[in-house]
């Protein structure tokens, strides 16, 4: 089980409280927000950009992605995103 899946399970069991995220005056699902931000970051990393404060290896480890670079992991991440949206 990946760290992302563990965090979701802990929220279901009420052992972990997620931060409140709001946009346009309405609350937004924390994990949906997190996936969107990481998707944005991963797409840019696949094009060769880097970010201050977030590393590719952190995203890779958190979601359990396999591959050498961001390009290799992007399709796997997009599948995780699609599966999350389908729930």
PDB file of N, CA and C in Angstrom:
ATOM      1  N   UNK A   1       0.854  -1.179   0.000  1.00  0.00           N
ATOM      2  CA  UNK A   1       0.000   0.000   0.000  1.00  0.00           C
ATOM      3  C   UNK A   1       0.900   1.244   0.000  1.00  0.00           C
ATOM      4  N   UNK A   2       0.618   2.161  -0.919  1.00  0.00           N
ATOM      5  CA  UNK A   2       1.438   3.363  -1.034  1.00  0.00           C
ATOM      6  C   UNK A   2       1.092   4.342   0.091  1.00  0.00           C
ATOM      7  N   UNK A   3       1.940   5.344   0.259  1.00  0.00           N
ATOM      8  CA  UNK A   3       1.680   6.363   1.280  1.00  0.00           C
ATOM      9  C   UNK A   3       0.387   7.112   0.972  1.00  0.00           C
ATOM     10  N   UNK A   4       0.094   7.336  -0.306  1.00  0.00           N
ATOM     11  CA  UNK A   4      -1.141   8.001  -0.708  1.00  0.00           C
ATOM     12  C   UNK A   4      -2.356   7.169  -0.298  1.00  0.00           C
ATOM     13  N   UNK A   5      -2.309   5.878  -0.553  1.00  0.00           N
ATOM     14  CA  UNK A   5      -3.407   4.987  -0.173  1.00  0.00           C
ATOM     15  C   UNK A   5      -3.536   4.890   1.349  1.00  0.00           C
ATOM     16  N   UNK A   6      -2.410   4.886   2.052  1.00  0.00           N
ATOM     17  CA  UNK A   6      -2.438   4.851   3.511  1.00  0.00           C
ATOM     18  C   UNK A   6      -3.093   6.108   4.068  1.00  0.00           C
ATOM     19  N   UNK A   7      -2.776   7.259   3.504  1.00  0.00           N
ATOM     20  CA  UNK A   7      -3.358   8.520   3.967  1.00  0.00           C
ATOM     21  C   UNK A   7      -4.865   8.521   3.745  1.00  0.00           C
ATOM     22  N   UNK A   8      -5.316   8.039   2.598  1.00  0.00           N
ATOM     23  CA  UNK A   8      -6.753   7.964   2.333  1.00  0.00           C
ATOM     24  C   UNK A   8      -7.442   7.036   3.324  1.00  0.00           C
ATOM     25  N   UNK A   9      -6.814   5.925   3.614  1.00  0.00           N
ATOM     26  CA  UNK A   9      -7.386   4.960   4.569  1.00  0.00           C
ATOM     27  C   UNK A   9      -7.450   5.559   5.966  1.00  0.00           C
ATOM     28  N   UNK A  10      -6.422   6.281   6.366  1.00  0.00           N
ATOM     29  CA  UNK A  10      -6.411   6.904   7.688  1.00  0.00           C
ATOM     30  C   UNK A  10      -7.494   7.965   7.814  1.00  0.00           C
ATOM     31  N   UNK A  11      -7.786   8.675   6.735  1.00  0.00           N
ATOM     32  CA  UNK A  11      -8.866   9.661   6.762  1.00  0.00           C
ATOM     33  C   UNK A  11     -10.207   8.958   6.918  1.00  0.00           C
ATOM     34  N   UNK A  12     -10.388   7.832   6.225  1.00  0.00           N
ATOM     35  CA  UNK A  12     -11.630   7.054   6.352  1.00  0.00           C
ATOM     36  C   UNK A  12     -11.819   6.549   7.780  1.00  0.00           C
ATOM     37  N   UNK A  13     -10.721   6.135   8.403  1.00  0.00           N
ATOM     38  CA  UNK A  13     -10.772   5.613   9.770  1.00  0.00           C
ATOM     39  C   UNK A  13     -10.759   6.721  10.814  1.00  0.00           C
ATOM     40  N   UNK A  14     -10.662   7.962  10.349  1.00  0.00           N
ATOM     41  CA  UNK A  14     -10.636   9.151  11.200  1.00  0.00           C
ATOM     42  C   UNK A  14      -9.437   9.199  12.143  1.00  0.00           C
ATOM     43  N   UNK A  15      -8.307   8.638  11.688  1.00  0.00           N
ATOM     44  CA  UNK A  15      -7.075   8.737  12.470  1.00  0.00           C
ATOM     45  C   UNK A  15      -6.164   9.835  11.922  1.00  0.00           C
ATOM     46  N   UNK A  16      -6.551  10.416  10.782  1.00  0.00           N
ATOM     47  CA  UNK A  16      -5.793  11.497  10.171  1.00  0.00           C
ATOM     48  C   UNK A  16      -6.777  12.579   9.745  1.00  0.00           C
ATOM     49  N   UNK A  17      -6.466  13.804  10.083  1.00  0.00           N
ATOM     50  CA  UNK A  17      -7.308  14.929   9.684  1.00  0.00           C
ATOM     51  C   UNK A  17      -6.558  15.715   8.621  1.00  0.00           C
ATOM     52  N   UNK A  18      -7.194  15.895   7.481  1.00  0.00           N
ATOM     53  CA  UNK A  18      -6.566  16.627   6.385  1.00  0.00           C
ATOM     54  C   UNK A  18      -6.791  18.121   6.561  1.00  0.00           C
ATOM     55  N   UNK A  19      -5.907  18.929   6.016  1.00  0.00           N
ATOM     56  CA  UNK A  19      -6.095  20.384   6.077  1.00  0.00           C
ATOM     57  C   UNK A  19      -7.301  20.798   5.242  1.00  0.00           C
ATOM     58  N   UNK A  20      -7.869  21.925   5.592  1.00  0.00           N
ATOM     59  CA  UNK A  20      -8.973  22.469   4.824  1.00  0.00           C
ATOM     60  C   UNK A  20      -8.405  23.272   3.660  1.00  0.00           C
ATOM     61  N   UNK A  21      -8.903  22.987   2.464  1.00  0.00           N
ATOM     62  CA  UNK A  21      -8.478  23.697   1.262  1.00  0.00           C
ATOM     63  C   UNK A  21      -9.714  24.363   0.678  1.00  0.00           C
ATOM     64  N   UNK A  22      -9.619  25.656   0.408  1.00  0.00           N
ATOM     65  CA  UNK A  22     -10.769  26.342  -0.172  1.00  0.00           C
ATOM     66  C   UNK A  22     -10.351  27.085  -1.433  1.00  0.00           C
ATOM     67  N   UNK A  23     -11.275  27.119  -2.382  1.00  0.00           N
ATOM     68  CA  UNK A  23     -11.067  27.847  -3.630  1.00  0.00           C
ATOM     69  C   UNK A  23     -12.381  28.509  -4.005  1.00  0.00           C
ATOM     70  N   UNK A  24     -12.327  29.774  -4.315  1.00  0.00           N
ATOM     71  CA  UNK A  24     -13.520  30.539  -4.670  1.00  0.00           C
ATOM     72  C   UNK A  24     -14.587  30.480  -3.580  1.00  0.00           C
ATOM     73  N   UNK A  25     -14.156  30.456  -2.343  1.00  0.00           N
ATOM     74  CA  UNK A  25     -15.076  30.483  -1.211  1.00  0.00           C
ATOM     75  C   UNK A  25     -15.718  29.156  -0.863  1.00  0.00           C
ATOM     76  N   UNK A  26     -15.338  28.082  -1.529  1.00  0.00           N
ATOM     77  CA  UNK A  26     -15.905  26.760  -1.243  1.00  0.00           C
ATOM     78  C   UNK A  26     -14.779  25.796  -0.869  1.00  0.00           C
ATOM     79  N   UNK A  27     -15.095  24.851  -0.005  1.00  0.00           N
ATOM     80  CA  UNK A  27     -14.108  23.846   0.370  1.00  0.00           C
ATOM     81  C   UNK A  27     -13.887  22.872  -0.784  1.00  0.00           C
ATOM     82  N   UNK A  28     -12.639  22.459  -0.936  1.00  0.00           N
ATOM     83  CA  UNK A  28     -12.235  21.547  -1.997  1.00  0.00           C
ATOM     84  C   UNK A  28     -11.692  20.287  -1.335  1.00  0.00           C
ATOM     85  N   UNK A  29     -11.940  19.137  -1.951  1.00  0.00           N
ATOM     86  CA  UNK A  29     -11.418  17.871  -1.444  1.00  0.00           C
ATOM     87  C   UNK A  29      -9.891  17.946  -1.397  1.00  0.00           C
ATOM     88  N   UNK A  30      -9.314  17.643  -0.253  1.00  0.00           N
ATOM     89  CA  UNK A  30      -7.865  17.767  -0.073  1.00  0.00           C
ATOM     90  C   UNK A  30      -7.087  16.861  -1.018  1.00  0.00           C
ATOM     91  N   UNK A  31      -7.488  15.601  -1.138  1.00  0.00           N
ATOM     92  CA  UNK A  31      -6.738  14.675  -1.981  1.00  0.00           C
ATOM     93  C   UNK A  31      -6.883  15.032  -3.463  1.00  0.00           C
ATOM     94  N   UNK A  32      -8.034  15.525  -3.862  1.00  0.00           N
ATOM     95  CA  UNK A  32      -8.211  15.997  -5.233  1.00  0.00           C
ATOM     96  C   UNK A  32      -7.302  17.167  -5.533  1.00  0.00           C
ATOM     97  N   UNK A  33      -7.201  18.083  -4.572  1.00  0.00           N
ATOM     98  CA  UNK A  33      -6.304  19.236  -4.712  1.00  0.00           C
ATOM     99  C   UNK A  33      -4.850  18.774  -4.805  1.00  0.00           C
ATOM    100  N   UNK A  34      -4.488  17.863  -3.929  1.00  0.00           N
ATOM    101  CA  UNK A  34      -3.114  17.353  -3.899  1.00  0.00           C
ATOM    102  C   UNK A  34      -2.762  16.667  -5.218  1.00  0.00           C
ATOM    103  N   UNK A  35      -3.671  15.856  -5.732  1.00  0.00           N
ATOM    104  CA  UNK A  35      -3.436  15.186  -7.009  1.00  0.00           C
ATOM    105  C   UNK A  35      -3.286  16.194  -8.144  1.00  0.00           C
ATOM    106  N   UNK A  36      -4.104  17.226  -8.138  1.00  0.00           N
ATOM    107  CA  UNK A  36      -4.032  18.245  -9.191  1.00  0.00           C
ATOM    108  C   UNK A  36      -2.693  18.974  -9.172  1.00  0.00           C
ATOM    109  N   UNK A  37      -2.247  19.351  -7.994  1.00  0.00           N
ATOM    110  CA  UNK A  37      -0.971  20.060  -7.869  1.00  0.00           C
ATOM    111  C   UNK A  37       0.187  19.157  -8.283  1.00  0.00           C
ATOM    112  N   UNK A  38       0.168  17.907  -7.836  1.00  0.00           N
ATOM    113  CA  UNK A  38       1.248  16.987  -8.186  1.00  0.00           C
ATOM    114  C   UNK A  38       1.218  16.646  -9.673  1.00  0.00           C
ATOM    115  N   UNK A  39       0.039  16.599 -10.276  1.00  0.00           N
ATOM    116  CA  UNK A  39      -0.057  16.352 -11.715  1.00  0.00           C
ATOM    117  C   UNK A  39       0.582  17.507 -12.483  1.00  0.00           C
ATOM    118  N   UNK A  40       0.264  18.720 -12.067  1.00  0.00           N
ATOM    119  CA  UNK A  40       0.874  19.911 -12.671  1.00  0.00           C
ATOM    120  C   UNK A  40       2.394  19.850 -12.560  1.00  0.00           C
ATOM    121  N   UNK A  41       2.885  19.570 -11.359  1.00  0.00           N
ATOM    122  CA  UNK A  41       4.334  19.503 -11.132  1.00  0.00           C
ATOM    123  C   UNK A  41       4.977  18.405 -11.969  1.00  0.00           C
ATOM    124  N   UNK A  42       4.352  17.242 -12.003  1.00  0.00           N
ATOM    125  CA  UNK A  42       4.923  16.104 -12.722  1.00  0.00           C
ATOM    126  C   UNK A  42       4.955  16.359 -14.229  1.00  0.00           C
ATOM    127  N   UNK A  43       3.944  17.015 -14.772  1.00  0.00           N
ATOM    128  CA  UNK A  43       3.945  17.337 -16.203  1.00  0.00           C
ATOM    129  C   UNK A  43       5.108  18.274 -16.543  1.00  0.00           C
ATOM    130  N   UNK A  44       5.345  19.259 -15.693  1.00  0.00           N
ATOM    131  CA  UNK A  44       6.464  20.164 -15.948  1.00  0.00           C
ATOM    132  C   UNK A  44       7.808  19.484 -15.727  1.00  0.00           C
ATOM    133  N   UNK A  45       7.879  18.595 -14.739  1.00  0.00           N
ATOM    134  CA  UNK A  45       9.116  17.850 -14.512  1.00  0.00           C
ATOM    135  C   UNK A  45       9.434  16.959 -15.707  1.00  0.00           C
ATOM    136  N   UNK A  46       8.390  16.424 -16.353  1.00  0.00           N
ATOM    137  CA  UNK A  46       8.593  15.581 -17.531  1.00  0.00           C
ATOM    138  C   UNK A  46       9.186  16.390 -18.684  1.00  0.00           C
ATOM    139  N   UNK A  47       8.980  17.694 -18.666  1.00  0.00           N
ATOM    140  CA  UNK A  47       9.543  18.571 -19.699  1.00  0.00           C
ATOM    141  C   UNK A  47      10.919  19.117 -19.299  1.00  0.00           C
ATOM    142  N   UNK A  48      11.394  18.764 -18.093  1.00  0.00           N
ATOM    143  CA  UNK A  48      12.739  19.141 -17.674  1.00  0.00           C
ATOM    144  C   UNK A  48      12.824  20.241 -16.634  1.00  0.00           C
ATOM    145  N   UNK A  49      11.694  20.745 -16.157  1.00  0.00           N
ATOM    146  CA  UNK A  49      11.730  21.811 -15.152  1.00  0.00           C
ATOM    147  C   UNK A  49      11.866  21.221 -13.748  1.00  0.00           C
ATOM    148  N   UNK A  50      12.387  22.024 -12.843  1.00  0.00           N
ATOM    149  CA  UNK A  50      12.491  21.618 -11.446  1.00  0.00           C
ATOM    150  C   UNK A  50      11.720  22.622 -10.584  1.00  0.00           C
ATOM    151  N   UNK A  51      11.450  22.229  -9.345  1.00  0.00           N
ATOM    152  CA  UNK A  51      10.699  23.068  -8.421  1.00  0.00           C
ATOM    153  C   UNK A  51      11.452  23.185  -7.109  1.00  0.00           C
ATOM    154  N   UNK A  52      11.279  24.302  -6.477  1.00  0.00           N
ATOM    155  CA  UNK A  52      11.837  24.489  -5.152  1.00  0.00           C
ATOM    156  C   UNK A  52      10.854  23.867  -4.160  1.00  0.00           C
ATOM    157  N   UNK A  53      11.348  23.045  -3.276  1.00  0.00           N
ATOM    158  CA  UNK A  53      10.522  22.490  -2.209  1.00  0.00           C
ATOM    159  C   UNK A  53       9.831  21.175  -2.535  1.00  0.00           C
ATOM    160  N   UNK A  54       9.888  20.720  -3.781  1.00  0.00           N
ATOM    161  CA  UNK A  54       9.298  19.425  -4.120  1.00  0.00           C
ATOM    162  C   UNK A  54      10.239  18.709  -5.084  1.00  0.00           C
ATOM    163  N   UNK A  55      10.445  17.433  -4.810  1.00  0.00           N
ATOM    164  CA  UNK A  55      11.364  16.641  -5.622  1.00  0.00           C
ATOM    165  C   UNK A  55      10.595  15.527  -6.310  1.00  0.00           C
ATOM    166  N   UNK A  56      11.068  15.151  -7.469  1.00  0.00           N
ATOM    167  CA  UNK A  56      10.458  14.058  -8.214  1.00  0.00           C
ATOM    168  C   UNK A  56      10.443  12.780  -7.389  1.00  0.00           C
ATOM    169  N   UNK A  57      11.529  12.508  -6.689  1.00  0.00           N
ATOM    170  CA  UNK A  57      11.604  11.273  -5.901  1.00  0.00           C
ATOM    171  C   UNK A  57      10.556  11.255  -4.788  1.00  0.00           C
ATOM    172  N   UNK A  58      10.204  12.421  -4.244  1.00  0.00           N
ATOM    173  CA  UNK A  58       9.167  12.483  -3.210  1.00  0.00           C
ATOM    174  C   UNK A  58       7.806  12.090  -3.786  1.00  0.00           C
ATOM    175  N   UNK A  59       7.480  12.621  -4.963  1.00  0.00           N
ATOM    176  CA  UNK A  59       6.212  12.285  -5.614  1.00  0.00           C
ATOM    177  C   UNK A  59       6.205  10.805  -5.983  1.00  0.00           C
ATOM    178  N   UNK A  60       7.296  10.345  -6.525  1.00  0.00           N
ATOM    179  CA  UNK A  60       7.425   8.951  -6.947  1.00  0.00           C
ATOM    180  C   UNK A  60       7.214   7.993  -5.767  1.00  0.00           C
ATOM    181  N   UNK A  61       7.832   8.293  -4.667  1.00  0.00           N
ATOM    182  CA  UNK A  61       7.718   7.446  -3.479  1.00  0.00           C
ATOM    183  C   UNK A  61       6.313   7.512  -2.883  1.00  0.00           C
ATOM    184  N   UNK A  62       5.717   8.697  -2.818  1.00  0.00           N
ATOM    185  CA  UNK A  62       4.403   8.890  -2.197  1.00  0.00           C
ATOM    186  C   UNK A  62       3.314   8.112  -2.930  1.00  0.00           C
ATOM    187  N   UNK A  63       3.391   8.091  -4.256  1.00  0.00           N
ATOM    188  CA  UNK A  63       2.364   7.408  -5.048  1.00  0.00           C
ATOM    189  C   UNK A  63       2.778   6.008  -5.483  1.00  0.00           C
ATOM    190  N   UNK A  64       3.999   5.599  -5.193  1.00  0.00           N
ATOM    191  CA  UNK A  64       4.464   4.261  -5.559  1.00  0.00           C
ATOM    192  C   UNK A  64       4.706   4.109  -7.051  1.00  0.00           C
ATOM    193  N   UNK A  65       5.181   5.155  -7.699  1.00  0.00           N
ATOM    194  CA  UNK A  65       5.413   5.130  -9.137  1.00  0.00           C
ATOM    195  C   UNK A  65       6.708   4.405  -9.456  1.00  0.00           C
ATOM    196  N   UNK A  66       6.737   3.752 -10.606  1.00  0.00           N
ATOM    197  CA  UNK A  66       7.927   3.020 -11.048  1.00  0.00           C
ATOM    198  C   UNK A  66       8.434   3.635 -12.332  1.00  0.00           C
ATOM    199  N   UNK A  67       9.709   3.874 -12.400  1.00  0.00           N
ATOM    200  CA  UNK A  67      10.314   4.429 -13.603  1.00  0.00           C
ATOM    201  C   UNK A  67      11.529   5.252 -13.249  1.00  0.00           C
ATOM    202  N   UNK A  68      12.279   5.588 -14.274  1.00  0.00           N
ATOM    203  CA  UNK A  68      13.520   6.313 -14.053  1.00  0.00           C
ATOM    204  C   UNK A  68      13.313   7.821 -13.976  1.00  0.00           C
ATOM    205  N   UNK A  69      12.417   8.351 -14.812  1.00  0.00           N
ATOM    206  CA  UNK A  69      12.211   9.787 -14.849  1.00  0.00           C
ATOM    207  C   UNK A  69      10.738  10.144 -14.819  1.00  0.00           C
ATOM    208  N   UNK A  70      10.481  11.443 -14.808  1.00  0.00           N
ATOM    209  CA  UNK A  70       9.108  11.931 -14.736  1.00  0.00           C
ATOM    210  C   UNK A  70       8.300  11.520 -15.963  1.00  0.00           C
ATOM    211  N   UNK A  71       8.935  11.478 -17.123  1.00  0.00           N
ATOM    212  CA  UNK A  71       8.230  11.047 -18.339  1.00  0.00           C
ATOM    213  C   UNK A  71       7.722   9.622 -18.197  1.00  0.00           C
ATOM    214  N   UNK A  72       8.535   8.763 -17.596  1.00  0.00           N
ATOM    215  CA  UNK A  72       8.158   7.360 -17.414  1.00  0.00           C
ATOM    216  C   UNK A  72       6.992   7.205 -16.444  1.00  0.00           C
ATOM    217  N   UNK A  73       6.936   8.065 -15.452  1.00  0.00           N
ATOM    218  CA  UNK A  73       5.946   7.942 -14.384  1.00  0.00           C
ATOM    219  C   UNK A  73       4.655   8.710 -14.646  1.00  0.00           C
ATOM    220  N   UNK A  74       4.673   9.597 -15.619  1.00  0.00           N
ATOM    221  CA  UNK A  74       3.508  10.451 -15.854  1.00  0.00           C
ATOM    222  C   UNK A  74       2.265   9.639 -16.207  1.00  0.00           C
ATOM    223  N   UNK A  75       2.380   8.643 -17.058  1.00  0.00           N
ATOM    224  CA  UNK A  75       1.202   7.849 -17.431  1.00  0.00           C
ATOM    225  C   UNK A  75       0.674   7.054 -16.242  1.00  0.00           C
ATOM    226  N   UNK A  76       1.568   6.555 -15.395  1.00  0.00           N
ATOM    227  CA  UNK A  76       1.134   5.846 -14.192  1.00  0.00           C
ATOM    228  C   UNK A  76       0.373   6.790 -13.274  1.00  0.00           C
ATOM    229  N   UNK A  77       0.897   8.001 -13.118  1.00  0.00           N
ATOM    230  CA  UNK A  77       0.256   8.980 -12.256  1.00  0.00           C
ATOM    231  C   UNK A  77      -1.119   9.360 -12.805  1.00  0.00           C
ATOM    232  N   UNK A  78      -1.220   9.529 -14.115  1.00  0.00           N
ATOM    233  CA  UNK A  78      -2.503   9.875 -14.718  1.00  0.00           C
ATOM    234  C   UNK A  78      -3.524   8.764 -14.518  1.00  0.00           C
ATOM    235  N   UNK A  79      -3.075   7.517 -14.449  1.00  0.00           N
ATOM    236  CA  UNK A  79      -3.989   6.408 -14.154  1.00  0.00           C
ATOM    237  C   UNK A  79      -4.476   6.495 -12.707  1.00  0.00           C
ATOM    238  N   UNK A  80      -3.597   6.850 -11.784  1.00  0.00           N
ATOM    239  CA  UNK A  80      -3.987   7.032 -10.383  1.00  0.00           C
ATOM    240  C   UNK A  80      -5.005   8.164 -10.284  1.00  0.00           C
ATOM    241  N   UNK A  81      -4.774   9.242 -10.999  1.00  0.00           N
ATOM    242  CA  UNK A  81      -5.687  10.376 -11.022  1.00  0.00           C
ATOM    243  C   UNK A  81      -7.053   9.971 -11.581  1.00  0.00           C
ATOM    244  N   UNK A  82      -7.075   9.213 -12.669  1.00  0.00           N
ATOM    245  CA  UNK A  82      -8.334   8.755 -13.272  1.00  0.00           C
ATOM    246  C   UNK A  82      -9.082   7.830 -12.314  1.00  0.00           C
ATOM    247  N   UNK A  83      -8.352   6.936 -11.650  1.00  0.00           N
ATOM    248  CA  UNK A  83      -8.986   6.022 -10.687  1.00  0.00           C
ATOM    249  C   UNK A  83      -9.587   6.797  -9.510  1.00  0.00           C
ATOM    250  N   UNK A  84      -8.891   7.824  -9.063  1.00  0.00           N
ATOM    251  CA  UNK A  84      -9.389   8.630  -7.951  1.00  0.00           C
ATOM    252  C   UNK A  84     -10.660   9.374  -8.346  1.00  0.00           C
ATOM    253  N   UNK A  85     -10.669   9.930  -9.565  1.00  0.00           N
ATOM    254  CA  UNK A  85     -11.845  10.663 -10.042  1.00  0.00           C
ATOM    255  C   UNK A  85     -13.038   9.740 -10.241  1.00  0.00           C
ATOM    256  N   UNK A  86     -12.777   8.476 -10.567  1.00  0.00           N
ATOM    257  CA  UNK A  86     -13.854   7.510 -10.801  1.00  0.00           C
ATOM    258  C   UNK A  86     -14.554   7.094  -9.502  1.00  0.00           C
ATOM    259  N   UNK A  87     -13.903   7.283  -8.375  1.00  0.00           N
ATOM    260  CA  UNK A  87     -14.485   6.888  -7.076  1.00  0.00           C
ATOM    261  C   UNK A  87     -15.627   7.789  -6.688  1.00  0.00           C
TER     262      UNK A  87
END
